[in-house]
């Protein structure tokens, strides 16, 4: 094999490994997102109706709020970071890949 062929083969392997790392990172991020949403739903379901009303939710809206946070909720929770609904809008941190 010539040097050019070895370099091309090395580049192909590097790209495939990098792609594999991206796939694993995306899977990890997806799992974290799923876990946070489930935790949010579990936490909100544990609250009584009065507490849910205080944060502007009805029990029938919990799952929708966990999976599709509205811009209005995001604005409200930024001004009250210690509120119970804060986990509704927190986005997962992306996994940084080392090159």
C-alpha atoms as a PDB file:
ATOM      1  CA  UNK A   1       0.000   0.000   0.000  1.00  0.00           C
ATOM      2  CA  UNK A   2       1.157   3.471  -0.774  1.00  0.00           C
ATOM      3  CA  UNK A   3       1.259   6.312   1.712  1.00  0.00           C
ATOM      4  CA  UNK A   4      -1.722   7.981   0.029  1.00  0.00           C
ATOM      5  CA  UNK A   5      -3.782   4.800   0.368  1.00  0.00           C
ATOM      6  CA  UNK A   6      -2.807   4.448   4.024  1.00  0.00           C
ATOM      7  CA  UNK A   7      -3.743   8.079   4.701  1.00  0.00           C
ATOM      8  CA  UNK A   8      -7.096   7.612   2.940  1.00  0.00           C
ATOM      9  CA  UNK A   9      -7.799   4.443   4.935  1.00  0.00           C
ATOM     10  CA  UNK A  10      -6.811   6.208   8.158  1.00  0.00           C
ATOM     11  CA  UNK A  11      -9.114   9.144   7.358  1.00  0.00           C
ATOM     12  CA  UNK A  12     -12.009   6.764   6.662  1.00  0.00           C
ATOM     13  CA  UNK A  13     -11.497   4.964   9.968  1.00  0.00           C
ATOM     14  CA  UNK A  14     -11.242   8.269  11.824  1.00  0.00           C
ATOM     15  CA  UNK A  15     -14.502   9.516  10.255  1.00  0.00           C
ATOM     16  CA  UNK A  16     -16.299   6.279  11.095  1.00  0.00           C
ATOM     17  CA  UNK A  17     -15.088   6.359  14.704  1.00  0.00           C
ATOM     18  CA  UNK A  18     -16.107  10.005  15.016  1.00  0.00           C
ATOM     19  CA  UNK A  19     -19.551   9.129  13.617  1.00  0.00           C
ATOM     20  CA  UNK A  20     -19.872   6.274  16.100  1.00  0.00           C
ATOM     21  CA  UNK A  21     -18.974   8.620  18.952  1.00  0.00           C
ATOM     22  CA  UNK A  22     -21.633  11.080  17.713  1.00  0.00           C
ATOM     23  CA  UNK A  23     -24.251   8.329  17.651  1.00  0.00           C
ATOM     24  CA  UNK A  24     -23.392   7.273  21.201  1.00  0.00           C
ATOM     25  CA  UNK A  25     -23.419  10.917  22.360  1.00  0.00           C
ATOM     26  CA  UNK A  26     -26.842  11.514  20.796  1.00  0.00           C
ATOM     27  CA  UNK A  27     -28.177   8.353  22.417  1.00  0.00           C
ATOM     28  CA  UNK A  28     -26.838   9.539  25.765  1.00  0.00           C
ATOM     29  CA  UNK A  29     -28.434  12.956  25.321  1.00  0.00           C
ATOM     30  CA  UNK A  30     -31.725  11.353  24.335  1.00  0.00           C
ATOM     31  CA  UNK A  31     -31.663   9.156  27.420  1.00  0.00           C
ATOM     32  CA  UNK A  32     -30.936  12.160  29.669  1.00  0.00           C
ATOM     33  CA  UNK A  33     -33.789  14.117  28.096  1.00  0.00           C
ATOM     34  CA  UNK A  34     -36.171  11.182  28.578  1.00  0.00           C
ATOM     35  CA  UNK A  35     -35.042  10.707  32.186  1.00  0.00           C
ATOM     36  CA  UNK A  36     -35.482  14.398  33.052  1.00  0.00           C
ATOM     37  CA  UNK A  37     -38.942  14.488  31.511  1.00  0.00           C
ATOM     38  CA  UNK A  38     -40.027  11.380  33.411  1.00  0.00           C
ATOM     39  CA  UNK A  39     -38.625  12.837  36.650  1.00  0.00           C
ATOM     40  CA  UNK A  40     -40.484  16.086  35.993  1.00  0.00           C
ATOM     41  CA  UNK A  41     -43.741  14.230  35.411  1.00  0.00           C
ATOM     42  CA  UNK A  42     -43.244  12.119  38.536  1.00  0.00           C
ATOM     43  CA  UNK A  43     -42.481  15.217  40.638  1.00  0.00           C
ATOM     44  CA  UNK A  44     -45.445  17.192  39.333  1.00  0.00           C
ATOM     45  CA  UNK A  45     -47.818  14.253  39.746  1.00  0.00           C
ATOM     46  CA  UNK A  46     -46.817  14.104  43.415  1.00  0.00           C
ATOM     47  CA  UNK A  47     -48.005  17.694  43.979  1.00  0.00           C
ATOM     48  CA  UNK A  48     -51.538  18.402  45.143  1.00  0.00           C
ATOM     49  CA  UNK A  49     -53.973  20.372  42.974  1.00  0.00           C
ATOM     50  CA  UNK A  50     -53.403  23.584  44.936  1.00  0.00           C
ATOM     51  CA  UNK A  51     -49.648  23.508  44.378  1.00  0.00           C
ATOM     52  CA  UNK A  52     -50.165  22.815  40.669  1.00  0.00           C
ATOM     53  CA  UNK A  53     -52.557  25.763  40.469  1.00  0.00           C
ATOM     54  CA  UNK A  54     -49.907  27.967  42.105  1.00  0.00           C
ATOM     55  CA  UNK A  55     -47.455  27.204  39.299  1.00  0.00           C
ATOM     56  CA  UNK A  56     -50.139  27.601  36.644  1.00  0.00           C
ATOM     57  CA  UNK A  57     -50.764  23.968  35.753  1.00  0.00           C
ATOM     58  CA  UNK A  58     -53.724  21.650  35.821  1.00  0.00           C
ATOM     59  CA  UNK A  59     -53.136  17.956  36.423  1.00  0.00           C
ATOM     60  CA  UNK A  60     -54.242  17.180  32.867  1.00  0.00           C
ATOM     61  CA  UNK A  61     -51.469  19.460  31.506  1.00  0.00           C
ATOM     62  CA  UNK A  62     -48.518  17.838  33.264  1.00  0.00           C
ATOM     63  CA  UNK A  63     -47.405  15.510  30.508  1.00  0.00           C
ATOM     64  CA  UNK A  64     -47.861  18.159  27.842  1.00  0.00           C
ATOM     65  CA  UNK A  65     -45.890  20.674  29.898  1.00  0.00           C
ATOM     66  CA  UNK A  66     -43.038  18.210  30.404  1.00  0.00           C
ATOM     67  CA  UNK A  67     -42.743  17.316  26.729  1.00  0.00           C
ATOM     68  CA  UNK A  68     -43.649  20.655  25.136  1.00  0.00           C
ATOM     69  CA  UNK A  69     -42.781  23.581  27.414  1.00  0.00           C
ATOM     70  CA  UNK A  70     -44.399  26.796  26.232  1.00  0.00           C
ATOM     71  CA  UNK A  71     -42.445  30.053  25.832  1.00  0.00           C
ATOM     72  CA  UNK A  72     -44.687  31.598  28.497  1.00  0.00           C
ATOM     73  CA  UNK A  73     -43.653  28.943  31.046  1.00  0.00           C
ATOM     74  CA  UNK A  74     -40.015  29.457  30.136  1.00  0.00           C
ATOM     75  CA  UNK A  75     -40.265  33.192  30.810  1.00  0.00           C
ATOM     76  CA  UNK A  76     -42.039  32.630  34.115  1.00  0.00           C
ATOM     77  CA  UNK A  77     -39.566  30.075  35.405  1.00  0.00           C
ATOM     78  CA  UNK A  78     -36.539  32.215  34.565  1.00  0.00           C
ATOM     79  CA  UNK A  79     -37.797  34.860  36.943  1.00  0.00           C
ATOM     80  CA  UNK A  80     -38.393  32.221  39.650  1.00  0.00           C
ATOM     81  CA  UNK A  81     -35.548  29.688  39.386  1.00  0.00           C
ATOM     82  CA  UNK A  82     -36.447  28.067  42.703  1.00  0.00           C
ATOM     83  CA  UNK A  83     -40.006  27.236  41.644  1.00  0.00           C
ATOM     84  CA  UNK A  84     -41.171  23.648  41.300  1.00  0.00           C
ATOM     85  CA  UNK A  85     -41.693  24.065  37.548  1.00  0.00           C
ATOM     86  CA  UNK A  86     -38.047  24.918  36.849  1.00  0.00           C
ATOM     87  CA  UNK A  87     -37.284  21.414  35.584  1.00  0.00           C
ATOM     88  CA  UNK A  88     -39.899  21.829  32.863  1.00  0.00           C
ATOM     89  CA  UNK A  89     -37.666  24.053  30.750  1.00  0.00           C
ATOM     90  CA  UNK A  90     -34.157  22.929  31.585  1.00  0.00           C
ATOM     91  CA  UNK A  91     -32.559  21.567  28.435  1.00  0.00           C
ATOM     92  CA  UNK A  92     -30.010  18.760  28.551  1.00  0.00           C
ATOM     93  CA  UNK A  93     -26.407  19.773  28.219  1.00  0.00           C
ATOM     94  CA  UNK A  94     -24.909  18.572  24.959  1.00  0.00           C
ATOM     95  CA  UNK A  95     -22.097  16.069  25.207  1.00  0.00           C
ATOM     96  CA  UNK A  96     -18.856  17.520  23.936  1.00  0.00           C
ATOM     97  CA  UNK A  97     -16.780  15.213  21.819  1.00  0.00           C
ATOM     98  CA  UNK A  98     -13.007  15.118  22.118  1.00  0.00           C
ATOM     99  CA  UNK A  99     -11.250  15.058  18.800  1.00  0.00           C
END
